[in-house]
């Protein structure tokens, strides 16, 4: 079952606060940059080293919230340099990874169009429904 839009937005806010709060040189939700491959393991190790109260599951959910966003996928298509946990360049985005991000963007766009179509259909049906009942 899909989570509510409100819950999804809350999850995004929590992920943003966590990642930008503790690793501001790496995570910028408003201007994301491609992350270094393997950064998750470094993130978990850094959290443990610093004694932060986040387990791997919480960090994994936050990373997922960061990379599954439209703006991150756009960055993967346009920025070839990846960034490491220290905020410095560390690796490159391959052409195959860029192609995958373009497919993800098309999927996100298609999903948004489908939602808009469903909302329009529901609004149209709701507008018709009261009118047909008043004529009875």
N, C-alpha and C. Protein backbone atom coordinates (compact mmCIF):
# COMPACT_ATOMS: atom_id res chain seq x y z
N UNK A 1 0.84 -1.17 0.00
CA UNK A 1 0.00 0.00 0.00
C UNK A 1 0.89 1.25 0.00
N UNK A 2 0.52 2.25 -0.77
CA UNK A 2 1.29 3.48 -0.86
C UNK A 2 1.12 4.30 0.41
N UNK A 3 2.21 5.00 0.76
CA UNK A 3 2.12 5.84 1.94
C UNK A 3 1.50 7.18 1.54
N UNK A 4 0.90 7.85 2.51
CA UNK A 4 0.23 9.11 2.21
C UNK A 4 1.26 10.16 1.83
N UNK A 5 0.79 11.15 1.09
CA UNK A 5 1.66 12.24 0.66
C UNK A 5 2.22 12.98 1.87
N UNK A 6 1.39 13.16 2.89
CA UNK A 6 1.84 13.84 4.11
C UNK A 6 2.97 13.06 4.78
N UNK A 7 2.82 11.74 4.88
CA UNK A 7 3.84 10.90 5.50
C UNK A 7 5.12 10.91 4.66
N UNK A 8 4.97 10.90 3.35
CA UNK A 8 6.12 10.94 2.46
C UNK A 8 6.87 12.26 2.62
N UNK A 9 6.14 13.36 2.73
CA UNK A 9 6.78 14.66 2.92
C UNK A 9 7.50 14.72 4.26
N UNK A 10 6.90 14.14 5.30
CA UNK A 10 7.53 14.10 6.61
C UNK A 10 8.84 13.30 6.54
N UNK A 11 8.79 12.18 5.84
CA UNK A 11 9.99 11.35 5.69
C UNK A 11 11.08 12.14 4.97
N UNK A 12 10.72 12.90 3.93
CA UNK A 12 11.69 13.72 3.20
C UNK A 12 12.30 14.78 4.13
N UNK A 13 11.47 15.41 4.95
CA UNK A 13 11.99 16.42 5.88
C UNK A 13 12.97 15.81 6.88
N UNK A 14 12.63 14.64 7.39
CA UNK A 14 13.51 13.96 8.35
C UNK A 14 14.83 13.55 7.70
N UNK A 15 14.76 13.02 6.49
CA UNK A 15 15.98 12.62 5.77
C UNK A 15 16.85 13.84 5.50
N UNK A 16 16.22 14.92 5.09
CA UNK A 16 16.96 16.16 4.81
C UNK A 16 17.66 16.67 6.06
N UNK A 17 16.93 16.72 7.18
CA UNK A 17 17.52 17.20 8.43
C UNK A 17 18.69 16.33 8.85
N UNK A 18 18.53 15.03 8.73
CA UNK A 18 19.60 14.10 9.13
C UNK A 18 20.83 14.27 8.25
N UNK A 19 20.65 14.16 6.95
CA UNK A 19 21.79 14.17 6.04
C UNK A 19 22.45 15.54 5.94
N UNK A 20 21.66 16.58 5.75
CA UNK A 20 22.24 17.92 5.64
C UNK A 20 22.78 18.40 6.99
N UNK A 21 22.17 17.94 8.07
CA UNK A 21 22.60 18.36 9.39
C UNK A 21 23.95 17.79 9.79
N UNK A 22 24.20 16.52 9.48
CA UNK A 22 25.43 15.87 9.90
C UNK A 22 26.50 15.79 8.82
N UNK A 23 26.10 15.88 7.56
CA UNK A 23 27.06 15.83 6.45
C UNK A 23 26.74 16.93 5.43
N UNK A 24 26.82 18.20 5.84
CA UNK A 24 26.41 19.30 4.96
C UNK A 24 27.30 19.48 3.73
N UNK A 25 28.53 18.99 3.77
CA UNK A 25 29.42 19.13 2.60
C UNK A 25 29.05 18.16 1.49
N UNK A 26 28.24 17.17 1.82
CA UNK A 26 27.91 16.13 0.85
C UNK A 26 26.46 16.23 0.37
N UNK A 27 25.55 16.41 1.31
CA UNK A 27 24.12 16.34 1.00
C UNK A 27 23.49 17.72 0.92
N UNK A 28 22.96 18.02 -0.26
CA UNK A 28 22.25 19.28 -0.51
C UNK A 28 20.99 18.92 -1.28
N UNK A 29 19.88 18.90 -0.59
CA UNK A 29 18.64 18.50 -1.24
C UNK A 29 18.25 19.48 -2.35
N UNK A 30 18.57 20.75 -2.19
CA UNK A 30 18.19 21.72 -3.22
C UNK A 30 19.12 21.66 -4.43
N UNK A 31 20.35 21.23 -4.25
CA UNK A 31 21.32 21.10 -5.35
C UNK A 31 22.13 19.83 -5.18
N UNK A 32 21.49 18.68 -5.40
CA UNK A 32 22.19 17.41 -5.19
C UNK A 32 23.31 17.20 -6.20
N UNK A 33 24.30 16.44 -5.75
CA UNK A 33 25.40 16.02 -6.61
C UNK A 33 25.48 14.50 -6.52
N UNK A 34 25.91 13.86 -7.59
CA UNK A 34 26.03 12.40 -7.55
C UNK A 34 26.97 11.95 -6.42
N UNK A 35 26.53 10.94 -5.70
CA UNK A 35 27.31 10.42 -4.59
C UNK A 35 28.32 9.38 -5.05
N UNK A 36 29.43 9.33 -4.34
CA UNK A 36 30.45 8.33 -4.57
C UNK A 36 29.85 6.93 -4.42
N UNK A 37 30.25 6.01 -5.28
CA UNK A 37 29.83 4.63 -5.11
C UNK A 37 30.42 4.10 -3.82
N UNK A 38 29.62 3.45 -3.00
CA UNK A 38 30.10 2.91 -1.73
C UNK A 38 30.02 3.90 -0.58
N UNK A 39 29.40 5.04 -0.80
CA UNK A 39 29.34 6.06 0.25
C UNK A 39 28.52 5.60 1.44
N UNK A 40 27.57 4.70 1.21
CA UNK A 40 26.72 4.24 2.32
C UNK A 40 27.55 3.60 3.43
N UNK A 41 28.46 2.72 3.07
CA UNK A 41 29.31 2.06 4.07
C UNK A 41 30.14 3.09 4.83
N UNK A 42 30.63 4.09 4.14
CA UNK A 42 31.40 5.14 4.78
C UNK A 42 30.53 5.96 5.73
N UNK A 43 29.30 6.19 5.31
CA UNK A 43 28.34 6.95 6.12
C UNK A 43 28.04 6.22 7.43
N UNK A 44 27.80 4.92 7.34
CA UNK A 44 27.53 4.11 8.53
C UNK A 44 28.75 4.11 9.44
N UNK A 45 29.93 3.93 8.88
CA UNK A 45 31.16 3.92 9.68
C UNK A 45 31.39 5.28 10.34
N UNK A 46 31.13 6.36 9.61
CA UNK A 46 31.31 7.70 10.17
C UNK A 46 30.32 7.95 11.31
N UNK A 47 29.08 7.52 11.13
CA UNK A 47 28.08 7.69 12.19
C UNK A 47 28.49 6.93 13.44
N UNK A 48 29.00 5.72 13.27
CA UNK A 48 29.46 4.92 14.41
C UNK A 48 30.67 5.57 15.07
N UNK A 49 31.61 6.04 14.27
CA UNK A 49 32.82 6.68 14.79
C UNK A 49 32.48 7.93 15.60
N UNK A 50 31.49 8.68 15.11
CA UNK A 50 31.10 9.92 15.79
C UNK A 50 30.10 9.68 16.93
N UNK A 51 29.66 8.45 17.08
CA UNK A 51 28.70 8.13 18.14
C UNK A 51 27.31 8.68 17.88
N UNK A 52 26.94 8.80 16.61
CA UNK A 52 25.61 9.31 16.26
C UNK A 52 24.56 8.22 16.50
N UNK A 53 23.38 8.60 16.91
CA UNK A 53 22.35 7.60 17.26
C UNK A 53 21.54 7.08 16.07
N UNK A 54 22.20 6.81 14.96
CA UNK A 54 21.51 6.34 13.76
C UNK A 54 22.07 5.00 13.36
N UNK A 55 21.19 4.02 13.19
CA UNK A 55 21.66 2.72 12.72
C UNK A 55 21.64 2.69 11.20
N UNK A 56 22.14 1.61 10.65
CA UNK A 56 22.24 1.48 9.19
C UNK A 56 20.87 1.58 8.51
N UNK A 57 19.84 1.07 9.16
CA UNK A 57 18.51 1.10 8.55
C UNK A 57 18.00 2.54 8.39
N UNK A 58 18.21 3.35 9.38
CA UNK A 58 17.79 4.76 9.30
C UNK A 58 18.58 5.48 8.22
N UNK A 59 19.88 5.25 8.19
CA UNK A 59 20.72 5.89 7.18
C UNK A 59 20.37 5.42 5.77
N UNK A 60 20.06 4.14 5.64
CA UNK A 60 19.68 3.61 4.32
C UNK A 60 18.40 4.27 3.83
N UNK A 61 17.42 4.42 4.71
CA UNK A 61 16.17 5.07 4.34
C UNK A 61 16.40 6.53 3.94
N UNK A 62 17.29 7.21 4.66
CA UNK A 62 17.58 8.61 4.34
C UNK A 62 18.28 8.73 2.99
N UNK A 63 19.24 7.84 2.74
CA UNK A 63 19.94 7.85 1.44
C UNK A 63 18.96 7.56 0.31
N UNK A 64 18.08 6.60 0.54
CA UNK A 64 17.08 6.27 -0.48
C UNK A 64 16.20 7.48 -0.78
N UNK A 65 15.78 8.17 0.27
CA UNK A 65 14.96 9.37 0.08
C UNK A 65 15.72 10.43 -0.72
N UNK A 66 17.02 10.47 -0.56
CA UNK A 66 17.86 11.45 -1.26
C UNK A 66 18.03 11.09 -2.74
N UNK A 67 18.38 9.84 -3.01
CA UNK A 67 18.73 9.47 -4.39
C UNK A 67 17.53 9.15 -5.27
N UNK A 68 16.38 8.88 -4.69
CA UNK A 68 15.20 8.55 -5.51
C UNK A 68 14.46 9.80 -5.99
N UNK A 69 14.92 10.95 -5.60
CA UNK A 69 14.26 12.18 -5.98
C UNK A 69 14.57 12.56 -7.43
N UNK A 70 13.64 13.26 -8.04
CA UNK A 70 13.79 13.73 -9.41
C UNK A 70 15.04 14.58 -9.57
N UNK A 71 15.28 15.51 -8.63
CA UNK A 71 16.43 16.41 -8.76
C UNK A 71 17.76 15.66 -8.68
N UNK A 72 17.81 14.60 -7.89
CA UNK A 72 19.05 13.81 -7.83
C UNK A 72 19.26 13.08 -9.16
N UNK A 73 18.21 12.52 -9.71
CA UNK A 73 18.33 11.82 -10.99
C UNK A 73 18.74 12.79 -12.10
N UNK A 74 18.23 14.02 -12.05
CA UNK A 74 18.66 15.04 -13.03
C UNK A 74 20.15 15.33 -12.87
N UNK A 75 20.60 15.43 -11.62
CA UNK A 75 22.02 15.67 -11.38
C UNK A 75 22.87 14.53 -11.94
N UNK A 76 22.38 13.31 -11.82
CA UNK A 76 23.11 12.16 -12.35
C UNK A 76 23.25 12.25 -13.88
N UNK A 77 22.31 12.90 -14.52
CA UNK A 77 22.36 13.04 -15.98
C UNK A 77 23.26 14.18 -16.43
N UNK A 78 23.43 15.18 -15.57
CA UNK A 78 24.13 16.39 -16.01
C UNK A 78 25.50 16.60 -15.36
N UNK A 79 25.73 16.00 -14.20
CA UNK A 79 27.01 16.17 -13.50
C UNK A 79 27.76 14.84 -13.58
N UNK A 80 28.96 14.88 -14.12
CA UNK A 80 29.69 13.62 -14.30
C UNK A 80 30.55 13.26 -13.10
N UNK A 81 30.85 14.21 -12.24
CA UNK A 81 31.72 13.97 -11.10
C UNK A 81 30.92 13.56 -9.86
N UNK A 82 31.35 12.50 -9.22
CA UNK A 82 30.73 12.04 -7.97
C UNK A 82 31.44 12.70 -6.79
N UNK A 83 30.76 12.74 -5.65
CA UNK A 83 31.31 13.38 -4.46
C UNK A 83 31.42 12.36 -3.33
N UNK A 84 32.52 12.44 -2.59
CA UNK A 84 32.74 11.54 -1.46
C UNK A 84 32.26 12.14 -0.16
N UNK A 85 32.37 11.38 0.90
CA UNK A 85 31.89 11.81 2.21
C UNK A 85 32.65 13.03 2.72
N UNK A 86 33.85 13.25 2.21
CA UNK A 86 34.63 14.42 2.63
C UNK A 86 34.27 15.67 1.82
N UNK A 87 33.31 15.54 0.89
CA UNK A 87 32.89 16.67 0.07
C UNK A 87 33.76 16.90 -1.15
N UNK A 88 34.73 16.02 -1.37
CA UNK A 88 35.65 16.15 -2.49
C UNK A 88 35.25 15.20 -3.63
N UNK A 89 35.63 15.54 -4.86
CA UNK A 89 35.33 14.66 -5.99
C UNK A 89 35.91 13.26 -5.76
N UNK A 90 35.12 12.25 -6.12
CA UNK A 90 35.56 10.87 -5.92
C UNK A 90 34.81 9.95 -6.88
N UNK A 91 35.30 9.86 -8.09
CA UNK A 91 34.70 9.00 -9.09
C UNK A 91 33.86 9.78 -10.10
N UNK A 92 33.39 9.04 -11.08
CA UNK A 92 32.59 9.65 -12.14
C UNK A 92 31.34 8.83 -12.40
N UNK A 93 30.34 9.51 -12.95
CA UNK A 93 29.09 8.87 -13.35
C UNK A 93 29.33 8.30 -14.75
N UNK A 94 29.08 7.01 -14.90
CA UNK A 94 29.31 6.37 -16.20
C UNK A 94 28.15 6.67 -17.15
N UNK A 95 28.37 6.50 -18.45
CA UNK A 95 27.28 6.68 -19.41
C UNK A 95 26.11 5.74 -19.12
N UNK A 96 26.38 4.53 -18.66
CA UNK A 96 25.32 3.58 -18.32
C UNK A 96 24.50 4.09 -17.14
N UNK A 97 25.16 4.68 -16.15
CA UNK A 97 24.46 5.24 -15.00
C UNK A 97 23.63 6.45 -15.40
N UNK A 98 24.15 7.25 -16.31
CA UNK A 98 23.37 8.38 -16.82
C UNK A 98 22.13 7.89 -17.57
N UNK A 99 22.28 6.85 -18.36
CA UNK A 99 21.14 6.28 -19.08
C UNK A 99 20.10 5.75 -18.10
N UNK A 100 20.55 5.09 -17.05
CA UNK A 100 19.62 4.60 -16.03
C UNK A 100 18.86 5.76 -15.39
N UNK A 101 19.56 6.85 -15.10
CA UNK A 101 18.90 8.02 -14.50
C UNK A 101 17.88 8.63 -15.45
N UNK A 102 18.19 8.65 -16.73
CA UNK A 102 17.21 9.16 -17.70
C UNK A 102 15.95 8.29 -17.70
N UNK A 103 16.13 6.98 -17.59
CA UNK A 103 14.97 6.07 -17.51
C UNK A 103 14.17 6.33 -16.23
N UNK A 104 14.87 6.58 -15.13
CA UNK A 104 14.19 6.88 -13.86
C UNK A 104 13.38 8.17 -13.98
N UNK A 105 13.94 9.16 -14.63
CA UNK A 105 13.24 10.43 -14.82
C UNK A 105 11.98 10.21 -15.65
N UNK A 106 12.08 9.43 -16.71
CA UNK A 106 10.90 9.13 -17.53
C UNK A 106 9.84 8.39 -16.71
N UNK A 107 10.29 7.47 -15.84
CA UNK A 107 9.36 6.73 -14.98
C UNK A 107 8.67 7.68 -14.00
N UNK A 108 9.43 8.58 -13.40
CA UNK A 108 8.87 9.54 -12.45
C UNK A 108 7.87 10.45 -13.17
N UNK A 109 8.24 10.92 -14.36
CA UNK A 109 7.34 11.77 -15.14
C UNK A 109 6.05 11.03 -15.50
N UNK A 110 6.17 9.78 -15.93
CA UNK A 110 4.99 9.00 -16.31
C UNK A 110 4.08 8.78 -15.10
N UNK A 111 4.67 8.52 -13.96
CA UNK A 111 3.89 8.32 -12.73
C UNK A 111 3.15 9.60 -12.35
N UNK A 112 3.81 10.74 -12.49
CA UNK A 112 3.18 12.02 -12.17
C UNK A 112 2.03 12.32 -13.14
N UNK A 113 2.22 12.01 -14.41
CA UNK A 113 1.17 12.23 -15.40
C UNK A 113 -0.03 11.33 -15.12
N UNK A 114 0.24 10.09 -14.73
CA UNK A 114 -0.84 9.16 -14.40
C UNK A 114 -1.63 9.64 -13.20
N UNK A 115 -0.94 10.12 -12.18
CA UNK A 115 -1.62 10.66 -11.00
C UNK A 115 -2.48 11.85 -11.37
N UNK A 116 -1.95 12.74 -12.21
CA UNK A 116 -2.71 13.92 -12.63
C UNK A 116 -3.94 13.51 -13.42
N UNK A 117 -3.78 12.49 -14.28
CA UNK A 117 -4.93 12.01 -15.06
C UNK A 117 -6.00 11.44 -14.15
N UNK A 118 -5.59 10.66 -13.14
CA UNK A 118 -6.55 10.08 -12.20
C UNK A 118 -7.27 11.16 -11.41
N UNK A 119 -6.52 12.18 -10.97
CA UNK A 119 -7.15 13.28 -10.22
C UNK A 119 -8.17 14.01 -11.09
N UNK A 120 -7.82 14.23 -12.35
CA UNK A 120 -8.74 14.92 -13.25
C UNK A 120 -10.00 14.09 -13.47
N UNK A 121 -9.84 12.79 -13.63
CA UNK A 121 -10.98 11.90 -13.82
C UNK A 121 -11.86 11.89 -12.57
N UNK A 122 -11.24 11.81 -11.40
CA UNK A 122 -11.99 11.82 -10.15
C UNK A 122 -12.75 13.13 -9.97
N UNK A 123 -12.10 14.25 -10.30
CA UNK A 123 -12.75 15.55 -10.18
C UNK A 123 -13.92 15.65 -11.15
N UNK A 124 -13.73 15.12 -12.34
CA UNK A 124 -14.80 15.15 -13.34
C UNK A 124 -15.99 14.31 -12.87
N UNK A 125 -15.70 13.12 -12.35
CA UNK A 125 -16.76 12.25 -11.84
C UNK A 125 -17.47 12.86 -10.64
N UNK A 126 -16.72 13.52 -9.77
CA UNK A 126 -17.32 14.17 -8.60
C UNK A 126 -18.22 15.33 -9.03
N UNK A 127 -17.81 16.05 -10.07
CA UNK A 127 -18.62 17.16 -10.56
C UNK A 127 -19.91 16.66 -11.20
N UNK A 128 -19.85 15.51 -11.85
CA UNK A 128 -21.04 14.95 -12.49
C UNK A 128 -21.99 14.33 -11.48
N UNK A 129 -21.46 13.73 -10.46
CA UNK A 129 -22.26 13.00 -9.49
C UNK A 129 -23.31 13.84 -8.79
N UNK A 130 -23.00 15.00 -8.19
CA UNK A 130 -24.04 15.79 -7.52
C UNK A 130 -25.12 16.28 -8.48
N UNK A 131 -24.73 16.59 -9.71
CA UNK A 131 -25.69 17.09 -10.69
C UNK A 131 -26.69 16.02 -11.08
N UNK A 132 -26.26 14.78 -11.19
CA UNK A 132 -27.16 13.71 -11.57
C UNK A 132 -28.10 13.35 -10.45
N UNK A 133 -27.68 13.56 -9.18
CA UNK A 133 -28.54 13.25 -8.05
C UNK A 133 -29.62 14.31 -7.87
N UNK A 134 -29.31 15.58 -8.19
CA UNK A 134 -30.30 16.64 -7.97
C UNK A 134 -31.44 16.56 -8.97
N UNK A 135 -31.24 15.89 -10.09
CA UNK A 135 -32.29 15.78 -11.09
C UNK A 135 -33.27 14.66 -10.77
N UNK A 136 -33.06 13.87 -9.75
CA UNK A 136 -33.93 12.73 -9.43
C UNK A 136 -35.16 13.13 -8.68
